[in-house]
Amino acid sequence: MVSDSDVSSQEYSDNDVSSIDSFTTQEHVVTNEEPVKKLKWEFYGLTLWIELEEYDLDLTTAVEDLAYKFNLELIPKCHMTAIYGMTHLTIDQAKEKLQAVKDVIPTWPDFAPPTGVVSDIAVCGRPGQVCDVAWCELTLSSNDAHEEALNKLYSLFHDSSNTSWNRCKPWKPHSSIAYDNPENKEFSLGDLVQYVAQHPSLITRERRVEAISLWDTNGKMEDWKCLDRVYF
C-alpha cells in the first residue's frame, strides 16, 4: 500500500521521478552549494523514540540518502515516536523513569514488515496534528502486544491519576525517513516508492526493538539532543 494525502498529493510523471542512480548509498559527498534546507517549526518538550534494528544500516542509510538527495536537514536518528511533547517532567526525572523501562517492559514486541509507505503533510490545529511539517514514512502496524507495551510506557511516564495524558488509540506506528517544510516540499511519494523498490529490506523484514531513547525536542530539529537510551 502507498498513500499520499489530499493535502500533500502531487501529480508526477516518470520524468519527474529521479533515477535510482542519483541516490547515493555509500558516499555522501556534498557538492550542492545551496545551504541545507532546515525545518522552520519549533517543537517542545521531551520525547521518547523507539529505535528499530537495522539490516546493514538500511534505515540510517535511507534517512541519509533522502536528506542528501533533496538537500534536507538530517533527522538525527531514524525512529518511531512513542510519546512526544512531555513538559511535566524534568530531564532528571525523565532519565530516572527511562532507566525503569525494562522493569516494566522487559522486551518490546517485534514489528512485522511495514504495511506501506506514505508521504504526507501535517498542519497544526487539524485533528491529531500538532505541527506544520511534511514527511515520508514507512508505515507499520500495531497489535494487542504493542498496545499493551505502549500503555505501560505511558503509565510510567505520566501520573496515572491525571487522565489528561490518555493517548489516542489505536497506535499508528511509523518510521520517519525524511522531514521537510510543508510549503514547496522537495520529495514526493514517487521518490519514496522508487527508493524502497531498490532497497526492499525496508519493507520486507521484521524488526525487533533495539532501544528506547529520550530526546530533548525543544526548539527546531537542529536543537534536538539525545539525553539517554536503554537497550533491549
Protein backbone atom coordinates (compact mmCIF):
# COMPACT_ATOMS: atom_id res chain seq x y z
CA MET A 1 0.00 0.00 0.00
CA VAL A 2 1.13 3.54 -0.72
CA SER A 3 -0.57 6.71 0.40
CA ASP A 4 -0.30 10.37 -0.39
CA SER A 5 -2.91 12.53 1.33
CA ASP A 6 -5.09 15.09 -0.38
CA VAL A 7 -3.20 17.94 1.25
CA SER A 8 0.14 16.69 0.02
CA SER A 9 -0.60 14.87 -3.21
CA GLN A 10 1.37 15.83 -6.28
CA GLU A 11 0.94 14.73 -9.87
CA TYR A 12 4.13 13.47 -11.35
CA SER A 13 5.27 11.70 -14.46
CA ASP A 14 8.02 9.17 -14.95
CA ASN A 15 10.28 12.05 -15.91
CA ASP A 16 9.68 13.77 -12.56
CA VAL A 17 10.92 10.80 -10.56
CA SER A 18 14.68 10.93 -10.27
CA SER A 19 16.70 7.97 -11.46
CA ILE A 20 17.74 5.40 -8.88
CA ASP A 21 21.36 6.04 -9.74
CA SER A 22 21.04 9.55 -8.31
CA PHE A 23 20.54 8.13 -4.83
CA THR A 24 23.96 7.60 -3.27
CA THR A 25 24.09 4.76 -0.79
CA GLN A 26 27.71 4.67 0.28
CA GLU A 27 29.31 8.10 -0.14
CA HIS A 28 27.60 11.32 0.85
CA VAL A 29 29.89 13.93 -0.65
CA VAL A 30 28.02 17.23 -0.64
CA THR A 31 28.51 19.11 -3.89
CA ASN A 32 25.42 21.32 -3.67
CA GLU A 33 26.47 24.84 -2.76
CA GLU A 34 23.00 25.75 -1.52
CA PRO A 35 22.57 25.68 2.27
CA VAL A 36 20.73 22.72 3.74
CA LYS A 37 17.01 23.40 3.94
CA LYS A 38 16.13 23.40 7.65
CA LEU A 39 12.80 22.83 9.33
CA LYS A 40 11.07 26.02 10.45
CA TRP A 41 8.72 24.53 13.02
CA GLU A 42 9.69 24.76 16.69
CA PHE A 43 8.84 21.67 18.75
CA TYR A 44 8.60 21.36 22.51
CA GLY A 45 9.11 19.04 25.45
CA LEU A 46 10.77 15.70 26.00
CA THR A 47 10.12 12.84 23.59
CA LEU A 48 10.57 9.07 23.61
CA TRP A 49 11.68 7.37 20.42
CA ILE A 50 11.58 3.68 19.60
CA GLU A 51 14.65 2.58 17.64
CA LEU A 52 14.39 -0.49 15.43
CA GLU A 53 17.06 -2.97 14.47
CA GLU A 54 18.67 -2.44 11.09
CA TYR A 55 19.94 -4.65 8.30
CA ASP A 56 23.26 -3.28 7.03
CA LEU A 57 22.19 0.13 8.35
CA ASP A 58 19.32 0.24 5.87
CA LEU A 59 17.15 2.65 7.89
CA THR A 60 20.02 5.00 8.67
CA THR A 61 21.16 4.96 5.05
CA ALA A 62 17.64 5.76 3.84
CA VAL A 63 17.50 8.82 6.10
CA GLU A 64 20.92 9.95 4.88
CA ASP A 65 20.19 9.28 1.21
CA LEU A 66 16.94 11.24 1.10
CA ALA A 67 18.40 14.14 3.08
CA TYR A 68 21.36 14.28 0.69
CA LYS A 69 19.21 13.85 -2.40
CA PHE A 70 16.86 16.71 -1.53
CA ASN A 71 19.31 18.88 0.42
CA LEU A 72 17.25 18.47 3.61
CA GLU A 73 18.18 18.66 7.24
CA LEU A 74 19.17 15.23 8.51
CA ILE A 75 16.85 13.56 11.02
CA PRO A 76 19.21 12.85 13.93
CA LYS A 77 18.05 9.23 14.26
CA CYS A 78 15.63 7.03 12.35
CA HIS A 79 12.83 6.41 14.82
CA MET A 80 9.22 5.75 15.70
CA THR A 81 7.73 8.21 18.17
CA ALA A 82 6.25 6.64 21.30
CA ILE A 83 5.47 9.71 23.45
CA TYR A 84 6.10 13.31 22.44
CA GLY A 85 5.95 16.77 23.94
CA MET A 86 6.32 15.88 27.63
CA THR A 87 6.57 19.07 29.69
CA HIS A 88 5.59 17.71 33.10
CA LEU A 89 8.98 16.08 33.81
CA THR A 90 12.43 17.50 34.36
CA ILE A 91 15.29 15.92 32.43
CA ASP A 92 16.50 14.12 35.56
CA GLN A 93 13.02 12.79 36.30
CA ALA A 94 12.63 11.55 32.72
CA LYS A 95 16.05 9.87 32.80
CA GLU A 96 15.14 8.10 36.04
CA LYS A 97 11.92 6.82 34.52
CA LEU A 98 13.74 5.70 31.39
CA GLN A 99 16.05 3.51 33.48
CA ALA A 100 12.95 1.78 34.87
CA VAL A 101 11.53 0.94 31.43
CA LYS A 102 12.95 -2.59 31.31
CA ASP A 103 11.49 -3.36 34.74
CA VAL A 104 8.06 -2.57 33.32
CA ILE A 105 8.62 -3.78 29.74
CA PRO A 106 11.37 -6.46 29.69
CA THR A 107 11.15 -6.74 25.89
CA TRP A 108 9.21 -4.74 23.35
CA PRO A 109 7.22 -6.91 20.92
CA ASP A 110 8.72 -7.30 17.44
CA PHE A 111 7.25 -5.44 14.50
CA ALA A 112 6.02 -7.12 11.33
CA PRO A 113 7.23 -5.72 7.99
CA PRO A 114 5.74 -2.31 7.12
CA THR A 115 2.30 -2.24 5.61
CA GLY A 116 3.05 0.64 3.28
CA VAL A 117 4.85 3.89 2.57
CA VAL A 118 3.37 7.35 3.00
CA SER A 119 4.16 10.92 2.02
CA ASP A 120 2.03 13.44 3.85
CA ILE A 121 1.71 16.94 5.30
CA ALA A 122 0.61 17.81 8.83
CA VAL A 123 -0.98 21.19 9.56
CA CYS A 124 -1.03 22.38 13.15
CA GLY A 125 -4.56 22.56 14.52
CA ARG A 126 -6.05 19.86 12.38
CA PRO A 127 -7.30 16.80 14.29
CA GLY A 128 -4.34 14.88 15.67
CA GLN A 129 -1.79 17.25 14.12
CA VAL A 130 0.48 19.33 16.35
CA CYS A 131 2.93 20.91 13.90
CA ASP A 132 3.41 22.10 10.34
CA VAL A 133 5.66 19.55 8.67
CA ALA A 134 5.91 17.39 5.57
CA TRP A 135 7.29 13.90 5.97
CA CYS A 136 7.66 10.49 4.41
CA GLU A 137 7.49 7.28 6.37
CA LEU A 138 7.41 3.53 6.49
CA THR A 139 4.01 2.70 7.97
CA LEU A 140 3.91 -0.15 10.48
CA SER A 141 1.03 -1.91 12.17
CA SER A 142 0.20 -2.24 15.84
CA ASN A 143 -1.26 -5.25 17.64
CA ASP A 144 -2.51 -6.06 21.13
CA ALA A 145 1.02 -6.68 22.43
CA HIS A 146 2.23 -3.32 21.11
CA GLU A 147 -0.78 -1.53 22.59
CA GLU A 148 -0.12 -3.11 25.97
CA ALA A 149 3.56 -2.13 25.89
CA LEU A 150 2.73 1.46 24.93
CA ASN A 151 0.12 1.64 27.71
CA LYS A 152 2.80 0.61 30.20
CA LEU A 153 5.19 3.21 28.83
CA TYR A 154 2.57 5.95 29.17
CA SER A 155 1.73 4.84 32.70
CA LEU A 156 5.41 5.01 33.65
CA PHE A 157 5.98 8.50 32.25
CA HIS A 158 2.65 10.04 33.24
CA ASP A 159 0.81 10.37 36.53
CA SER A 160 -1.91 7.73 36.34
CA SER A 161 -4.19 9.95 38.43
CA ASN A 162 -4.17 12.56 35.67
CA THR A 163 -6.48 11.40 32.89
CA SER A 164 -5.36 14.16 30.53
CA TRP A 165 -2.46 12.01 29.38
CA ASN A 166 -4.68 9.31 27.90
CA ARG A 167 -3.33 8.52 24.46
CA CYS A 168 -5.10 8.12 21.16
CA LYS A 169 -5.85 4.51 20.30
CA PRO A 170 -5.01 2.51 18.35
CA TRP A 171 -1.36 3.44 17.99
CA LYS A 172 -0.25 4.23 14.44
CA PRO A 173 3.48 3.46 14.48
CA HIS A 174 5.62 4.74 11.64
CA SER A 175 9.30 5.08 10.96
CA SER A 176 10.10 8.58 9.72
CA ILE A 177 12.52 8.78 6.77
CA ALA A 178 12.55 12.49 5.85
CA TYR A 179 11.15 15.79 7.09
CA ASP A 180 10.58 18.99 5.14
CA ASN A 181 8.69 22.24 5.45
CA PRO A 182 5.12 21.84 4.14
CA GLU A 183 5.37 24.64 1.63
CA ASN A 184 7.24 23.56 -1.50
CA LYS A 185 8.29 20.22 -0.11
CA GLU A 186 11.05 18.62 -2.10
CA PHE A 187 10.18 14.90 -2.08
CA SER A 188 7.15 13.10 -3.44
CA LEU A 189 5.53 9.77 -2.79
CA GLY A 190 7.04 8.60 -6.06
CA ASP A 191 10.54 9.29 -4.78
CA LEU A 192 9.93 7.18 -1.69
CA VAL A 193 8.31 4.35 -3.64
CA GLN A 194 11.23 4.30 -6.04
CA TYR A 195 13.80 4.27 -3.25
CA VAL A 196 12.07 1.48 -1.34
CA ALA A 197 11.79 -0.60 -4.52
CA GLN A 198 15.58 -0.56 -4.76
CA HIS A 199 16.06 -1.24 -1.03
CA PRO A 200 13.47 -3.95 -0.32
CA SER A 201 14.72 -4.76 3.18
CA LEU A 202 12.99 -1.55 4.26
CA ILE A 203 9.58 -3.13 3.76
CA THR A 204 10.20 -6.90 3.77
CA ARG A 205 11.89 -7.51 7.11
CA GLU A 206 10.51 -7.98 10.59
CA ARG A 207 12.33 -5.88 13.14
CA ARG A 208 12.89 -6.09 16.85
CA VAL A 209 13.13 -3.00 19.01
CA GLU A 210 16.77 -2.27 19.81
CA ALA A 211 16.29 0.67 22.15
CA ILE A 212 14.11 3.40 23.53
CA SER A 213 15.77 6.81 23.62
CA LEU A 214 14.91 10.02 25.44
CA TRP A 215 15.25 13.26 23.48
CA ASP A 216 15.06 16.92 24.29
CA THR A 217 12.94 18.13 21.37
CA ASN A 218 12.60 21.74 22.45
CA GLY A 219 13.19 24.15 19.59
CA LYS A 220 13.90 23.34 15.97
CA MET A 221 15.22 19.97 14.82
CA GLU A 222 18.78 21.29 14.76
CA ASP A 223 18.44 21.86 18.52
CA TRP A 224 17.30 18.34 19.44
CA LYS A 225 19.55 16.33 21.74
CA CYS A 226 19.58 12.69 22.78
CA LEU A 227 19.63 12.59 26.58
CA ASP A 228 19.72 8.87 27.30
CA ARG A 229 18.98 5.45 25.85
CA VAL A 230 18.09 1.99 27.13
CA TYR A 231 18.73 -1.12 25.04
CA PHE A 232 16.65 -4.28 24.89
